[in-house]
Structure formats: C-alpha cells, structure tokens
Protein backbone atom coordinates (compact mmCIF):
# COMPACT_ATOMS: atom_id res chain seq x y z
CA GLN A 1 101.08 93.58 92.76
CA VAL A 2 101.09 88.81 91.83
CA GLN A 3 101.17 87.47 94.26
CA LEU A 4 102.89 83.88 94.15
CA GLU A 5 103.45 80.66 95.76
CA GLU A 6 105.33 77.55 94.90
CA SER A 7 104.96 74.61 95.58
CA GLY A 8 106.25 70.57 94.13
CA GLY A 9 109.18 70.95 95.46
CA GLY A 10 111.00 67.72 96.76
CA LEU A 11 113.31 65.22 97.47
CA VAL A 12 113.98 62.63 93.93
CA GLN A 13 116.54 61.00 92.49
CA ALA A 14 119.09 61.16 89.70
CA GLY A 15 117.15 60.68 86.84
CA GLY A 16 113.90 61.75 88.22
CA SER A 17 111.72 63.79 87.35
CA LEU A 18 109.48 66.65 89.76
CA ARG A 19 106.66 69.01 88.55
CA LEU A 20 107.17 72.56 89.98
CA SER A 21 103.21 74.85 90.22
CA CYS A 22 102.61 78.65 91.11
CA ALA A 23 99.64 80.00 91.75
CA ALA A 24 98.81 83.27 90.96
CA SER A 25 96.62 86.07 92.68
CA GLY A 26 95.90 89.44 92.36
CA ARG A 27 97.19 91.88 89.30
CA THR A 28 96.09 90.33 85.94
CA PHE A 29 98.47 87.36 85.40
CA THR A 30 97.54 86.48 82.10
CA TRP A 31 99.21 90.40 81.63
CA PHE A 32 102.51 89.30 81.88
CA ALA A 33 105.28 86.91 81.18
CA MET A 34 106.72 84.55 84.34
CA GLY A 35 110.04 83.22 84.68
CA TRP A 36 111.34 80.01 87.02
CA PHE A 37 114.80 80.75 88.72
CA ARG A 38 116.96 79.18 91.09
CA GLN A 39 119.70 79.42 93.75
CA ALA A 40 122.03 76.60 94.73
CA PRO A 41 123.51 77.28 98.38
CA GLY A 42 126.39 79.50 97.80
CA LYS A 43 125.51 80.58 94.67
CA GLU A 44 124.23 83.10 92.57
CA ARG A 45 120.30 83.22 92.13
CA GLU A 46 120.17 81.93 88.15
CA PHE A 47 117.58 81.88 85.46
CA VAL A 48 115.93 79.38 84.18
CA ALA A 49 112.93 79.34 82.05
CA SER A 50 110.41 82.02 81.21
CA ILE A 51 106.96 82.19 79.00
CA SER A 52 105.61 84.25 77.19
CA SER A 53 101.96 86.02 78.85
CA GLY A 54 99.69 83.98 76.21
CA GLY A 55 102.56 80.49 76.81
CA SER A 56 102.72 80.30 73.11
CA ARG A 57 107.07 81.64 73.58
CA THR A 58 109.25 80.14 75.54
CA SER A 59 112.86 80.38 76.73
CA TYR A 60 115.32 78.41 79.21
CA ALA A 61 118.96 78.23 80.41
CA ASP A 62 121.08 76.01 78.04
CA SER A 63 121.87 74.40 81.80
CA VAL A 64 117.83 72.71 81.52
CA LYS A 65 117.23 72.79 77.68
CA GLY A 66 116.27 69.92 76.33
CA ARG A 67 114.94 68.58 80.61
CA PHE A 68 112.86 71.50 81.75
CA THR A 69 109.63 72.70 80.11
CA ILE A 70 107.84 75.97 81.43
CA SER A 71 103.66 75.98 81.03
CA ARG A 72 101.05 78.02 81.83
CA ASP A 73 97.30 77.56 82.56
CA ASN A 74 95.86 80.96 81.94
CA VAL A 75 92.52 80.20 83.63
CA LYS A 76 93.97 78.50 86.66
CA ASN A 77 96.43 81.36 87.04
CA THR A 78 99.20 78.31 87.37
CA VAL A 79 102.74 78.39 85.91
CA TYR A 80 104.43 75.12 85.73
CA LEU A 81 108.07 73.80 85.85
CA LEU A 82 108.44 70.28 84.39
CA MET A 83 112.35 68.61 85.33
CA SER A 84 113.12 65.55 84.09
CA SER A 85 116.58 63.74 84.03
CA LEU A 86 117.03 64.99 87.09
CA LYS A 87 120.93 66.08 87.48
CA PRO A 88 122.42 66.30 91.15
CA GLU A 89 123.22 69.88 90.27
CA ASP A 90 119.71 70.69 89.83
CA THR A 91 119.50 70.84 93.89
CA ALA A 92 118.61 74.51 94.55
CA ASN A 93 115.77 76.87 95.83
CA TYR A 94 113.23 77.11 92.87
CA TYR A 95 111.49 80.28 92.23
CA CYS A 96 109.16 81.62 90.00
CA ALA A 97 108.62 85.62 89.36
CA ARG A 98 106.42 87.74 87.08
CA CYS A 99 108.00 89.26 84.37
CA ARG A 100 107.07 93.54 83.85
CA TYR A 101 107.11 92.24 80.09
CA SER A 102 104.40 90.13 78.52
CA SER A 103 107.02 88.83 76.10
CA GLU A 104 109.29 85.64 77.18
CA GLY A 105 113.51 85.81 77.01
CA HIS A 106 114.38 87.48 79.84
CA SER A 107 116.72 86.05 82.70
CA GLU A 108 117.63 89.51 83.62
CA GLN A 109 116.34 89.18 87.52
CA HIS A 110 115.59 93.33 87.80
CA LYS A 111 113.23 92.87 85.05
CA TYR A 112 110.37 90.60 87.34
CA ASP A 113 108.94 92.67 89.87
CA ASP A 114 107.22 89.36 92.14
CA TRP A 115 108.52 86.54 93.27
CA GLY A 116 107.72 83.34 95.48
CA GLN A 117 109.53 82.57 98.63
CA GLY A 118 110.54 79.51 96.83
CA THR A 119 110.35 75.84 96.91
CA GLN A 120 113.82 73.39 97.30
CA VAL A 121 114.43 70.70 95.09
CA THR A 122 117.13 68.61 96.05
CA VAL A 123 118.27 65.35 93.64
CA SER A 124 120.38 62.90 95.10
CA SER A 125 122.78 61.19 93.24
C-alpha cells in the first residue's frame, strides 16, 4: 500500500495558476503510474491526468489538455499537477491516486488502488 497526501490547494482567481503536490510513502513509488482526479460538488469524480512510472509519458482529460501539466520526482516520491489558465469550472476537490499499472493512460478509477484525502481548489470568476 502507498500512503498519499495532497497539498497546494487554495483559492485563486480565474486565469491564475496553482501547483498541487502529492507526497507518497510506503510501497515502492517508482513502480507505479500515478493519476490526478477531481470531484466538483454534486458531480461524479473524474479523471484529470496520469503519468507513467518513469515519468516519460503522460495523458490528460480533454477539459484540461494544454492547461494542466502532470510531473513526478521519483527521488522525492512526489507527484505534481501544475494548473494554469484556471477556470471557475476547475473548482473541485483534487485527489491523487496510485495506479496498479506502470503505464500511463488509465482513466478508470477502479484501476487505482490507493487514494489521498484530497485538496480543495476554488477558482473565482
């Protein structure tokens, strides 16, 4: 099992940027792809981005492509989500999760075995 703790959320104006961090501990972090998901009030949790175990391959939801960047530092056991050009519709609780596979591109939540507690991002208009 991998323990995950997100940080970096907050309140930002539309058009601004935030960087979320997800610190991992426990099982070998570098074996697994990682993902970011989000859940807005009254909506289902949805896939945002994923990154392969080595960090060379990434995938994104269409709604964030070109605005968000996922990265990881396997020395620091940390995954990041840099969010730019933020919109009010990006307001949500953001979760990082450990994928059971090493490759990126898995958007299905059932393929992720460990989850953080989430960090709130609020974008004001």
